[in-house]
Amino acid sequence: MTRTEEFTALRPLLFAIAYRILGSVGEAEDAVQETWLRYESSATEPVSVKSFLSAVVTRIAIDTLRSARVRREVYVGPWFPEPLLIDPYADPERSAELADSVSMAALLLLERLSPLERAVFVLREVFGFGFTEVAAAVERSEAACRQLAVRARRHMEQGRPRFDADRRAREELATRFFDALRDGDVDGLTELLAADVQAVADGGDKGPALTRPVVGAPRVARLVAGFASLAQGLVGVEQHRVNDQPGAVLRDADGAVVAVMALDVLDGRIQTIRTVVNPDKLEHLGPVADAWRLRAEAQARRRPRS
């Protein structure tokens, strides 16, 4: 097998590792590309190509995350990961770990860890690498990696998100939710929401977003129903799995992406609604709409005519 073939076969795994460390589709893709360039130019023939490439992409991701942390400290409003519609890596033996680790709630929890803790947790707990491989990847001793893993697990367990186990039931609930959203049905939305539901949006000061979370079923239902006022410009509500949780991509009349919405479902009710409207975080999904213009047009339609 050629190096190109070896790398192509492992590319989904490398992206999956980098995305979980970085929370960014674009930065993960860049890390994978840089990994290929280093592998292509390396004279070394590794004993395990998988271990070697995983170590390289992890180190690149750690360095990228350290610089990204500085930018995130001055980010305007809530910061969410870039939405991921399809995780390219699948492993039936670790499907539960993979699903749990890619949700927005889990990625936000990972943000609390140091870059090294995050990398060790991802490699060890999510992908099942042995401590010898983890230590080589992060360039620390096995003993140090075991301590990093303990600390990371402790932090993650303290805030670990919970979701309804029945995936089909979650999807059915999401279908009802997005049908009610299209119709602007406040009562229909309210009955699907937990009493203390939260709606939070990431606009990054580049798209119209909430300045603070909206809490409570009645208020959130009215907020979500307000999307129906965009009916003339918002025609597509495409239901998708977003970061392996129920969600949707919202599109305008031209098919451009307006926003991505992800739902956390527990006990048969929607607990959290996260909406990404920052256009920089939507570009990997295709052309992005001008959400500011859509909002202005909707507001103009609502104004009484003199």
Protein backbone atom coordinates (compact mmCIF):
# COMPACT_ATOMS: atom_id res chain seq x y z
CA MET A 1 0.00 0.00 0.00
CA THR A 2 1.36 3.42 -0.95
CA ARG A 3 1.64 6.30 1.49
CA THR A 4 -1.22 8.05 -0.27
CA GLU A 5 -3.44 4.99 0.17
CA GLU A 6 -2.44 4.58 3.83
CA PHE A 7 -3.17 8.21 4.55
CA THR A 8 -6.48 8.19 2.68
CA ALA A 9 -7.64 5.17 4.69
CA LEU A 10 -6.79 6.90 7.98
CA ARG A 11 -7.99 10.38 7.04
CA PRO A 12 -11.46 10.00 8.65
CA LEU A 13 -9.85 9.02 11.98
CA LEU A 14 -7.37 11.90 11.80
CA PHE A 15 -10.14 14.42 11.14
CA ALA A 16 -12.23 12.97 13.97
CA ILE A 17 -9.34 13.35 16.42
CA ALA A 18 -8.52 16.89 15.30
CA TYR A 19 -12.15 18.06 15.35
CA ARG A 20 -12.71 16.86 18.90
CA ILE A 21 -9.55 18.61 20.07
CA LEU A 22 -10.27 21.84 18.18
CA GLY A 23 -14.06 22.12 17.82
CA SER A 24 -13.51 23.60 14.36
CA VAL A 25 -14.12 21.92 11.03
CA GLY A 26 -11.79 24.26 9.13
CA GLU A 27 -8.95 24.00 11.64
CA ALA A 28 -9.34 20.22 11.80
CA GLU A 29 -9.12 19.97 8.01
CA ASP A 30 -6.02 22.18 8.05
CA ALA A 31 -4.44 19.96 10.73
CA VAL A 32 -5.11 16.86 8.64
CA GLN A 33 -3.62 18.48 5.54
CA GLU A 34 -0.51 19.52 7.47
CA THR A 35 -0.22 15.95 8.76
CA TRP A 36 -0.18 14.68 5.18
CA LEU A 37 2.53 17.17 4.16
CA ARG A 38 4.72 16.07 7.06
CA TYR A 39 4.13 12.38 6.33
CA GLU A 40 4.79 12.83 2.62
CA SER A 41 8.11 14.56 3.26
CA SER A 42 9.25 12.26 6.08
CA ALA A 43 12.01 9.74 5.46
CA THR A 44 10.81 7.69 8.44
CA GLU A 45 8.94 4.43 7.86
CA PRO A 46 6.82 4.12 11.02
CA VAL A 47 6.15 0.75 12.61
CA SER A 48 2.48 1.73 12.96
CA VAL A 49 1.22 4.27 10.44
CA LYS A 50 -1.96 4.76 12.46
CA SER A 51 -0.05 5.61 15.64
CA PHE A 52 2.40 7.82 13.79
CA LEU A 53 -0.23 9.87 11.93
CA SER A 54 -2.47 10.11 15.00
CA ALA A 55 0.47 11.48 16.99
CA VAL A 56 1.32 14.03 14.29
CA VAL A 57 -2.25 15.33 13.92
CA THR A 58 -2.61 15.50 17.72
CA ARG A 59 0.50 17.65 18.13
CA ILE A 60 -0.61 19.98 15.35
CA ALA A 61 -4.07 20.24 16.93
CA ILE A 62 -2.62 21.01 20.37
CA ASP A 63 -0.51 23.84 18.94
CA THR A 64 -3.50 25.20 17.02
CA LEU A 65 -5.73 25.00 20.09
CA ARG A 66 -3.27 26.98 22.20
CA SER A 67 -3.42 29.90 19.78
CA ALA A 68 -7.18 29.50 19.31
CA ARG A 69 -7.72 29.83 23.07
CA VAL A 70 -6.43 33.41 22.91
CA ARG A 71 -8.98 34.28 20.20
CA ARG A 72 -11.81 32.60 22.08
CA GLU A 73 -11.09 34.67 25.20
CA VAL A 74 -12.14 37.82 23.29
CA TYR A 75 -14.95 36.18 21.32
CA VAL A 76 -18.16 38.22 21.38
CA GLY A 77 -21.03 36.30 22.97
CA PRO A 78 -21.33 32.54 23.50
CA TRP A 79 -18.80 30.39 21.62
CA PHE A 80 -20.01 27.13 20.03
CA PRO A 81 -18.08 24.58 17.98
CA GLU A 82 -18.51 24.67 14.23
CA PRO A 83 -21.49 22.41 13.49
CA LEU A 84 -20.62 18.98 12.12
CA LEU A 85 -23.30 17.21 10.08
CA ILE A 86 -21.39 14.03 9.29
CA ASP A 87 -18.62 12.50 11.38
CA PRO A 88 -16.49 10.69 8.75
CA TYR A 89 -15.12 8.15 11.23
CA ALA A 90 -17.10 5.17 12.45
CA ASP A 91 -16.11 2.35 14.80
CA PRO A 92 -18.90 -0.03 15.87
CA GLU A 93 -16.95 -1.00 18.99
CA ARG A 94 -16.75 2.62 20.18
CA SER A 95 -19.96 4.05 18.73
CA ALA A 96 -21.25 5.25 22.11
CA GLU A 97 -18.01 7.08 22.97
CA LEU A 98 -17.83 8.63 19.51
CA ALA A 99 -21.44 9.86 19.65
CA ASP A 100 -21.15 11.28 23.17
CA SER A 101 -17.85 13.03 22.47
CA VAL A 102 -18.95 14.93 19.37
CA SER A 103 -22.13 16.55 20.76
CA MET A 104 -21.99 20.31 21.20
CA ALA A 105 -22.57 19.88 24.93
CA ALA A 106 -19.56 17.55 25.22
CA LEU A 107 -17.32 19.77 23.09
CA LEU A 108 -18.23 22.77 25.23
CA LEU A 109 -17.33 20.73 28.30
CA LEU A 110 -13.98 19.83 26.70
CA GLU A 111 -13.29 23.57 26.45
CA ARG A 112 -12.77 23.57 30.23
CA LEU A 113 -9.75 21.28 29.89
CA SER A 114 -6.19 22.32 29.12
CA PRO A 115 -5.00 21.47 25.59
CA LEU A 116 -2.97 18.53 26.92
CA GLU A 117 -5.84 17.21 29.04
CA ARG A 118 -8.17 17.53 26.09
CA ALA A 119 -5.82 15.66 23.75
CA VAL A 120 -5.20 12.87 26.27
CA PHE A 121 -8.93 12.50 26.94
CA VAL A 122 -9.76 12.36 23.23
CA LEU A 123 -7.08 9.81 22.39
CA ARG A 124 -7.60 7.60 25.46
CA GLU A 125 -11.29 7.82 26.34
CA VAL A 126 -12.83 8.43 22.93
CA PHE A 127 -10.59 6.48 20.57
CA GLY A 128 -9.13 3.91 22.96
CA PHE A 129 -5.42 4.45 22.32
CA GLY A 130 -3.07 2.83 24.80
CA PHE A 131 -1.10 5.03 27.18
CA THR A 132 2.13 4.23 25.32
CA GLU A 133 0.64 5.71 22.14
CA VAL A 134 -0.91 8.63 24.00
CA ALA A 135 2.40 9.46 25.68
CA ALA A 136 4.20 9.43 22.34
CA ALA A 137 1.54 11.65 20.78
CA VAL A 138 1.62 14.37 23.44
CA GLU A 139 5.32 13.94 24.22
CA ARG A 140 4.87 13.28 27.93
CA SER A 141 5.61 10.27 30.11
CA GLU A 142 3.02 7.54 30.55
CA ALA A 143 2.73 8.43 34.23
CA ALA A 144 2.04 12.07 33.37
CA CYS A 145 -0.56 11.01 30.80
CA ARG A 146 -2.33 8.83 33.35
CA GLN A 147 -2.57 11.84 35.68
CA LEU A 148 -3.83 14.04 32.83
CA ALA A 149 -6.44 11.40 31.99
CA VAL A 150 -7.65 11.20 35.60
CA ARG A 151 -8.04 14.98 35.81
CA ALA A 152 -9.79 15.15 32.47
CA ARG A 153 -12.20 12.33 33.35
CA ARG A 154 -13.02 14.03 36.65
CA HIS A 155 -13.88 17.30 34.92
CA MET A 156 -15.92 15.56 32.23
CA GLU A 157 -17.86 13.39 34.68
CA GLN A 158 -18.82 16.42 36.75
CA GLY A 159 -20.67 18.01 33.87
CA ARG A 160 -21.21 15.12 31.47
CA PRO A 161 -24.28 15.83 29.30
CA ARG A 162 -27.13 13.31 29.33
CA PHE A 163 -29.43 12.56 26.42
CA ASP A 164 -32.40 10.25 25.88
CA ALA A 165 -31.07 6.85 24.87
CA ASP A 166 -33.79 6.22 22.27
CA ARG A 167 -32.44 7.88 19.13
CA ARG A 168 -35.64 7.33 17.16
CA ALA A 169 -37.73 9.02 19.85
CA ARG A 170 -35.35 12.01 19.81
CA GLU A 171 -35.66 12.31 16.05
CA GLU A 172 -39.46 12.10 16.18
CA LEU A 173 -39.54 14.83 18.81
CA ALA A 174 -37.25 16.97 16.64
CA THR A 175 -39.52 16.47 13.63
CA ARG A 176 -42.49 17.75 15.64
CA PHE A 177 -40.40 20.68 16.85
CA PHE A 178 -39.30 21.78 13.39
CA ASP A 179 -42.82 21.34 11.99
CA ALA A 180 -44.08 23.66 14.73
CA LEU A 181 -41.24 26.08 14.00
CA ARG A 182 -42.26 26.28 10.33
CA ASP A 183 -45.86 26.94 11.35
CA GLY A 184 -45.01 29.45 14.07
CA ASP A 185 -47.07 27.27 16.42
CA VAL A 186 -46.30 28.61 19.91
CA ASP A 187 -48.53 26.10 21.71
CA GLY A 188 -47.09 23.20 19.74
CA LEU A 189 -43.56 24.30 20.54
CA THR A 190 -44.28 24.86 24.22
CA GLU A 191 -45.44 21.30 24.82
CA LEU A 192 -42.16 19.95 23.42
CA LEU A 193 -39.93 22.06 25.66
CA ALA A 194 -38.70 21.39 29.18
CA ALA A 195 -39.95 23.92 31.71
CA ASP A 196 -36.42 25.31 32.18
CA VAL A 197 -35.34 25.01 28.54
CA GLN A 198 -32.58 27.34 27.38
CA ALA A 199 -32.06 28.89 23.94
CA VAL A 200 -28.55 30.16 23.22
CA ALA A 201 -27.05 31.49 19.99
CA ASP A 202 -23.53 32.00 18.66
CA GLY A 203 -23.29 35.00 16.35
CA GLY A 204 -19.76 36.09 17.16
CA ASP A 205 -20.85 39.68 16.50
CA LYS A 206 -21.10 38.71 12.81
CA GLY A 207 -24.69 37.53 12.75
CA PRO A 208 -27.91 38.41 14.61
CA ALA A 209 -27.89 36.49 17.87
CA LEU A 210 -29.19 36.59 21.42
CA THR A 211 -27.17 38.74 23.79
CA ARG A 212 -27.91 36.28 26.61
CA PRO A 213 -29.68 32.91 26.97
CA VAL A 214 -33.47 32.88 26.88
CA VAL A 215 -34.85 30.59 29.60
CA GLY A 216 -38.28 29.02 30.15
CA ALA A 217 -40.69 27.22 27.84
CA PRO A 218 -43.10 30.14 27.13
CA ARG A 219 -40.34 32.61 26.29
CA VAL A 220 -38.34 30.14 24.20
CA ALA A 221 -41.46 29.01 22.31
CA ARG A 222 -42.27 32.60 21.35
CA LEU A 223 -38.67 33.18 20.33
CA VAL A 224 -38.53 30.08 18.13
CA ALA A 225 -41.94 30.78 16.63
CA GLY A 226 -40.52 34.12 15.55
CA PHE A 227 -38.56 32.27 12.87
CA ALA A 228 -41.86 31.89 11.05
CA SER A 229 -41.78 35.65 10.45
CA LEU A 230 -38.89 34.96 8.08
CA ALA A 231 -41.19 32.77 5.99
CA GLN A 232 -40.70 34.82 2.85
CA GLY A 233 -36.93 34.54 3.08
CA LEU A 234 -36.48 31.33 5.07
CA VAL A 235 -37.92 28.48 3.07
CA GLY A 236 -35.74 25.53 3.96
CA VAL A 237 -35.71 23.81 7.33
CA GLU A 238 -33.66 20.69 6.61
CA GLN A 239 -33.62 18.26 9.49
CA HIS A 240 -30.15 16.81 10.11
CA ARG A 241 -28.15 15.23 12.85
CA VAL A 242 -25.94 18.06 14.10
CA ASN A 243 -22.93 16.82 16.08
CA ASP A 244 -24.80 13.51 16.36
CA GLN A 245 -27.82 15.15 18.01
CA PRO A 246 -31.17 16.18 16.47
CA GLY A 247 -30.97 19.44 14.58
CA ALA A 248 -31.56 21.29 11.35
CA VAL A 249 -29.97 23.53 8.75
CA LEU A 250 -32.03 26.65 8.01
CA ARG A 251 -31.75 28.01 4.46
CA ASP A 252 -33.01 31.06 2.59
CA ALA A 253 -34.93 31.15 -0.70
CA ASP A 254 -31.70 30.71 -2.66
CA GLY A 255 -30.60 27.70 -0.61
CA ALA A 256 -27.91 29.62 1.29
CA VAL A 257 -27.34 28.65 4.92
CA VAL A 258 -28.89 31.03 7.44
CA ALA A 259 -28.23 29.09 10.66
CA VAL A 260 -27.75 25.65 12.15
CA MET A 261 -29.81 24.56 15.13
CA ALA A 262 -28.97 21.68 17.51
CA LEU A 263 -31.26 20.22 20.18
CA ASP A 264 -30.46 18.46 23.46
CA VAL A 265 -33.28 16.05 24.35
CA LEU A 266 -33.78 14.45 27.77
CA ASP A 267 -36.82 12.92 29.46
CA GLY A 268 -38.88 13.39 26.32
CA ARG A 269 -38.42 17.17 26.25
CA ILE A 270 -36.02 19.60 24.59
CA GLN A 271 -33.62 20.90 27.24
CA THR A 272 -31.35 23.16 25.20
CA ILE A 273 -31.52 24.79 21.78
CA ARG A 274 -28.18 25.95 20.38
CA THR A 275 -28.18 28.02 17.20
CA VAL A 276 -25.07 28.95 15.20
CA VAL A 277 -25.48 32.06 13.06
CA ASN A 278 -21.85 33.21 12.85
CA PRO A 279 -21.25 33.00 9.08
CA ASP A 280 -17.59 32.06 9.60
CA LYS A 281 -18.76 28.83 11.26
CA LEU A 282 -21.20 27.96 8.47
CA GLU A 283 -19.01 28.37 5.38
CA HIS A 284 -18.05 24.69 5.27
CA LEU A 285 -21.74 23.88 4.66
CA GLY A 286 -21.97 25.95 1.47
CA PRO A 287 -22.93 29.52 0.53
CA VAL A 288 -24.02 31.54 3.58
CA ALA A 289 -26.98 33.91 3.60
CA ASP A 290 -26.93 37.48 4.85
CA ALA A 291 -28.81 36.90 8.10
CA TRP A 292 -28.74 40.61 8.96
CA ARG A 293 -30.60 41.40 5.73
CA LEU A 294 -33.16 38.66 6.34
CA ARG A 295 -33.84 39.99 9.82
CA ALA A 296 -34.19 43.56 8.55
CA GLU A 297 -36.64 42.42 5.87
CA ALA A 298 -38.68 40.47 8.43
CA GLN A 299 -38.80 43.48 10.74
CA ALA A 300 -39.92 45.68 7.84
CA ARG A 301 -42.76 43.29 7.02
CA ARG A 302 -43.96 43.42 10.63
CA ARG A 303 -44.07 47.22 10.77
CA PRO A 304 -47.60 48.64 10.40
CA ARG A 305 -48.08 50.57 7.21
CA SER A 306 -49.17 54.15 7.60
